[in-house]
Amino acid sequence: MAIRQRRYGGPRDFHLISEFLARHYQPGNRDGNWFQAEWEYAYTHPYFDESVIGEIGLWEEDGELVAAATYESRLGEAFFTRNPRGCSA
């Protein structure tokens, strides 16, 4: 199936990314992704610029999150999160 990109859609996607990071966590950060706690910290930090939250990108395949691009506090930073096992595409 094709991978589709979409914009971040609010609190439901916060939980989607949180679950994704927790599920794919690898000891020693072998996956290269943020830890779930880092995502939660950034998202709830007072300096997090919510005015551009729609710029967070999500990639899904068959309704399952396979990657995300986000920022820590403001646009201009970029952090990429991906499924370390790849996807079918």
N, C-alpha and C. Protein backbone atom coordinates (compact mmCIF):
# COMPACT_ATOMS: atom_id res chain seq x y z
N MET A 1 0.84 -1.18 0.00
CA MET A 1 0.00 0.00 0.00
C MET A 1 0.88 1.24 0.00
N ALA A 2 0.35 2.32 -0.48
CA ALA A 2 1.11 3.57 -0.57
C ALA A 2 1.24 4.25 0.79
N ILE A 3 2.34 4.93 0.96
CA ILE A 3 2.55 5.74 2.15
C ILE A 3 1.94 7.11 1.88
N ARG A 4 1.16 7.60 2.84
CA ARG A 4 0.50 8.89 2.69
C ARG A 4 1.00 9.84 3.78
N GLN A 5 1.21 11.09 3.37
CA GLN A 5 1.65 12.12 4.31
C GLN A 5 0.46 12.98 4.68
N ARG A 6 0.42 13.40 5.93
CA ARG A 6 -0.61 14.33 6.37
C ARG A 6 -0.05 15.21 7.49
N ARG A 7 -0.77 16.26 7.78
CA ARG A 7 -0.37 17.18 8.85
C ARG A 7 -0.86 16.67 10.20
N TYR A 8 -0.17 17.08 11.23
CA TYR A 8 -0.53 16.78 12.60
C TYR A 8 -1.94 17.28 12.87
N GLY A 9 -2.76 16.45 13.54
CA GLY A 9 -4.15 16.79 13.73
C GLY A 9 -4.59 17.03 15.16
N GLY A 10 -3.68 17.32 16.07
CA GLY A 10 -4.08 17.64 17.43
C GLY A 10 -3.83 16.52 18.42
N PRO A 11 -4.54 16.56 19.56
CA PRO A 11 -4.27 15.64 20.66
C PRO A 11 -4.28 14.15 20.29
N ARG A 12 -5.14 13.75 19.38
CA ARG A 12 -5.14 12.33 19.01
C ARG A 12 -3.81 11.93 18.40
N ASP A 13 -3.18 12.84 17.67
CA ASP A 13 -1.88 12.54 17.07
C ASP A 13 -0.75 12.60 18.09
N PHE A 14 -0.93 13.39 19.15
CA PHE A 14 0.05 13.36 20.24
C PHE A 14 0.16 11.94 20.77
N HIS A 15 -0.98 11.32 21.01
CA HIS A 15 -1.00 9.95 21.54
C HIS A 15 -0.49 8.95 20.50
N LEU A 16 -0.80 9.18 19.24
CA LEU A 16 -0.32 8.30 18.17
C LEU A 16 1.21 8.30 18.12
N ILE A 17 1.82 9.49 18.17
CA ILE A 17 3.28 9.59 18.16
C ILE A 17 3.87 9.00 19.44
N SER A 18 3.25 9.27 20.58
CA SER A 18 3.73 8.72 21.85
C SER A 18 3.77 7.19 21.81
N GLU A 19 2.69 6.59 21.35
CA GLU A 19 2.63 5.13 21.26
C GLU A 19 3.65 4.59 20.27
N PHE A 20 3.82 5.28 19.16
CA PHE A 20 4.80 4.89 18.14
C PHE A 20 6.21 4.87 18.72
N LEU A 21 6.58 5.94 19.43
CA LEU A 21 7.92 6.02 20.01
C LEU A 21 8.13 4.95 21.07
N ALA A 22 7.13 4.71 21.90
CA ALA A 22 7.25 3.68 22.94
C ALA A 22 7.37 2.29 22.31
N ARG A 23 6.60 2.03 21.28
CA ARG A 23 6.60 0.71 20.64
C ARG A 23 7.93 0.41 19.95
N HIS A 24 8.55 1.42 19.36
CA HIS A 24 9.77 1.19 18.58
C HIS A 24 11.05 1.50 19.33
N TYR A 25 10.93 1.82 20.61
CA TYR A 25 12.12 2.11 21.42
C TYR A 25 13.11 0.95 21.37
N GLN A 26 14.38 1.28 21.20
CA GLN A 26 15.45 0.29 21.25
C GLN A 26 16.51 0.77 22.24
N PRO A 27 16.94 -0.08 23.16
CA PRO A 27 17.95 0.32 24.15
C PRO A 27 19.18 0.94 23.48
N GLY A 28 19.76 1.92 24.16
CA GLY A 28 20.93 2.60 23.62
C GLY A 28 20.59 3.52 22.46
N ASN A 29 19.31 3.78 22.26
CA ASN A 29 18.83 4.64 21.17
C ASN A 29 19.30 4.14 19.81
N ARG A 30 19.34 2.82 19.64
CA ARG A 30 19.77 2.24 18.37
C ARG A 30 18.87 2.61 17.20
N ASP A 31 17.62 2.93 17.49
CA ASP A 31 16.70 3.32 16.41
C ASP A 31 16.92 4.77 15.98
N GLY A 32 17.59 5.58 16.79
CA GLY A 32 17.85 6.97 16.45
C GLY A 32 16.66 7.90 16.67
N ASN A 33 15.55 7.37 17.15
CA ASN A 33 14.36 8.18 17.38
C ASN A 33 14.41 8.84 18.75
N TRP A 34 13.56 9.84 18.92
CA TRP A 34 13.38 10.42 20.24
C TRP A 34 12.84 9.35 21.17
N PHE A 35 13.12 9.48 22.45
CA PHE A 35 12.43 8.69 23.46
C PHE A 35 11.04 9.28 23.61
N GLN A 36 10.08 8.48 24.01
CA GLN A 36 8.72 8.98 24.18
C GLN A 36 8.70 10.15 25.16
N ALA A 37 9.49 10.07 26.22
CA ALA A 37 9.52 11.15 27.22
C ALA A 37 10.05 12.46 26.63
N GLU A 38 10.96 12.39 25.67
CA GLU A 38 11.45 13.62 25.02
C GLU A 38 10.33 14.29 24.23
N TRP A 39 9.54 13.49 23.51
CA TRP A 39 8.41 14.01 22.76
C TRP A 39 7.41 14.68 23.71
N GLU A 40 7.09 14.00 24.79
CA GLU A 40 6.14 14.55 25.76
C GLU A 40 6.66 15.85 26.36
N TYR A 41 7.94 15.88 26.70
CA TYR A 41 8.56 17.08 27.27
C TYR A 41 8.48 18.24 26.28
N ALA A 42 8.86 18.00 25.04
CA ALA A 42 8.85 19.06 24.04
C ALA A 42 7.43 19.59 23.83
N TYR A 43 6.48 18.67 23.69
CA TYR A 43 5.10 19.03 23.37
C TYR A 43 4.43 19.82 24.50
N THR A 44 4.83 19.55 25.74
CA THR A 44 4.19 20.21 26.89
C THR A 44 5.02 21.36 27.45
N HIS A 45 6.17 21.63 26.86
CA HIS A 45 7.05 22.69 27.35
C HIS A 45 6.44 24.06 27.06
N PRO A 46 6.60 25.02 27.97
CA PRO A 46 6.01 26.35 27.74
C PRO A 46 6.54 27.06 26.49
N TYR A 47 7.74 26.72 26.04
CA TYR A 47 8.30 27.36 24.85
C TYR A 47 7.89 26.68 23.55
N PHE A 48 7.13 25.61 23.62
CA PHE A 48 6.67 24.91 22.42
C PHE A 48 5.72 25.82 21.66
N ASP A 49 6.03 26.11 20.41
CA ASP A 49 5.23 27.02 19.58
C ASP A 49 4.05 26.27 18.97
N GLU A 50 2.91 26.36 19.64
CA GLU A 50 1.72 25.66 19.17
C GLU A 50 1.09 26.32 17.95
N SER A 51 1.49 27.54 17.62
CA SER A 51 0.89 28.23 16.48
C SER A 51 1.25 27.58 15.15
N VAL A 52 2.28 26.76 15.14
CA VAL A 52 2.71 26.09 13.90
C VAL A 52 2.65 24.57 14.02
N ILE A 53 1.86 24.09 14.97
CA ILE A 53 1.81 22.65 15.23
C ILE A 53 1.34 21.86 14.00
N GLY A 54 0.56 22.49 13.15
CA GLY A 54 0.09 21.83 11.93
C GLY A 54 1.20 21.54 10.93
N GLU A 55 2.38 22.08 11.18
CA GLU A 55 3.53 21.81 10.30
C GLU A 55 4.21 20.48 10.62
N ILE A 56 3.85 19.86 11.74
CA ILE A 56 4.37 18.52 12.03
C ILE A 56 3.81 17.59 10.97
N GLY A 57 4.67 16.79 10.38
CA GLY A 57 4.24 15.87 9.33
C GLY A 57 4.20 14.43 9.82
N LEU A 58 3.18 13.72 9.40
CA LEU A 58 3.02 12.30 9.73
C LEU A 58 2.92 11.51 8.44
N TRP A 59 3.55 10.35 8.41
CA TRP A 59 3.47 9.44 7.27
C TRP A 59 2.86 8.14 7.76
N GLU A 60 1.84 7.69 7.04
CA GLU A 60 1.12 6.48 7.43
C GLU A 60 1.05 5.51 6.25
N GLU A 61 1.06 4.24 6.60
CA GLU A 61 0.87 3.18 5.62
C GLU A 61 -0.19 2.25 6.17
N ASP A 62 -1.25 2.04 5.41
CA ASP A 62 -2.37 1.20 5.85
C ASP A 62 -2.90 1.64 7.21
N GLY A 63 -2.97 2.96 7.44
CA GLY A 63 -3.49 3.49 8.69
C GLY A 63 -2.55 3.42 9.87
N GLU A 64 -1.33 2.98 9.66
CA GLU A 64 -0.35 2.87 10.74
C GLU A 64 0.76 3.90 10.54
N LEU A 65 1.12 4.58 11.61
CA LEU A 65 2.19 5.57 11.56
C LEU A 65 3.51 4.88 11.25
N VAL A 66 4.24 5.39 10.25
CA VAL A 66 5.56 4.83 9.91
C VAL A 66 6.67 5.86 10.05
N ALA A 67 6.32 7.16 10.13
CA ALA A 67 7.34 8.20 10.30
C ALA A 67 6.67 9.51 10.70
N ALA A 68 7.48 10.39 11.28
CA ALA A 68 7.01 11.73 11.64
C ALA A 68 8.18 12.70 11.56
N ALA A 69 7.88 13.95 11.26
CA ALA A 69 8.87 15.03 11.30
C ALA A 69 8.30 16.10 12.22
N THR A 70 9.07 16.47 13.22
CA THR A 70 8.59 17.42 14.22
C THR A 70 9.68 18.41 14.60
N TYR A 71 9.37 19.26 15.53
CA TYR A 71 10.32 20.24 16.06
C TYR A 71 10.24 20.19 17.57
N GLU A 72 11.28 20.73 18.23
CA GLU A 72 11.29 20.68 19.70
C GLU A 72 10.57 21.87 20.33
N SER A 73 10.84 23.06 19.85
CA SER A 73 10.16 24.21 20.42
C SER A 73 9.69 25.19 19.35
N ARG A 74 10.39 25.25 18.22
CA ARG A 74 10.00 26.20 17.16
C ARG A 74 10.40 25.64 15.80
N LEU A 75 9.75 26.13 14.76
CA LEU A 75 10.13 25.74 13.41
C LEU A 75 11.56 26.20 13.14
N GLY A 76 12.23 25.47 12.30
CA GLY A 76 13.65 25.72 12.03
C GLY A 76 14.49 24.59 12.57
N GLU A 77 13.94 23.87 13.54
CA GLU A 77 14.54 22.64 14.04
C GLU A 77 13.82 21.51 13.32
N ALA A 78 14.47 20.40 13.15
CA ALA A 78 13.80 19.26 12.53
C ALA A 78 14.27 17.97 13.18
N PHE A 79 13.31 17.16 13.57
CA PHE A 79 13.60 15.85 14.15
C PHE A 79 12.75 14.82 13.41
N PHE A 80 13.39 13.79 12.95
CA PHE A 80 12.72 12.77 12.17
C PHE A 80 12.63 11.49 12.98
N THR A 81 11.48 10.91 12.97
CA THR A 81 11.20 9.66 13.67
C THR A 81 10.69 8.68 12.63
N ARG A 82 11.20 7.47 12.67
CA ARG A 82 10.76 6.49 11.67
C ARG A 82 10.69 5.11 12.29
N ASN A 83 9.94 4.26 11.63
CA ASN A 83 9.87 2.86 12.04
C ASN A 83 11.22 2.22 11.71
N PRO A 84 11.97 1.76 12.70
CA PRO A 84 13.29 1.20 12.42
C PRO A 84 13.25 -0.09 11.60
N ARG A 85 12.09 -0.71 11.53
CA ARG A 85 11.96 -1.95 10.75
C ARG A 85 11.54 -1.67 9.31
N GLY A 86 11.38 -0.40 8.98
CA GLY A 86 10.99 -0.05 7.62
C GLY A 86 9.49 -0.18 7.41
N CYS A 87 9.10 -0.18 6.16
CA CYS A 87 7.71 -0.34 5.78
C CYS A 87 7.68 -1.15 4.50
N SER A 88 6.51 -1.42 3.99
CA SER A 88 6.42 -2.31 2.83
C SER A 88 6.76 -1.60 1.52
N ALA A 89 6.78 -0.26 1.53
CA ALA A 89 7.06 0.47 0.29
C ALA A 89 8.52 0.43 -0.08
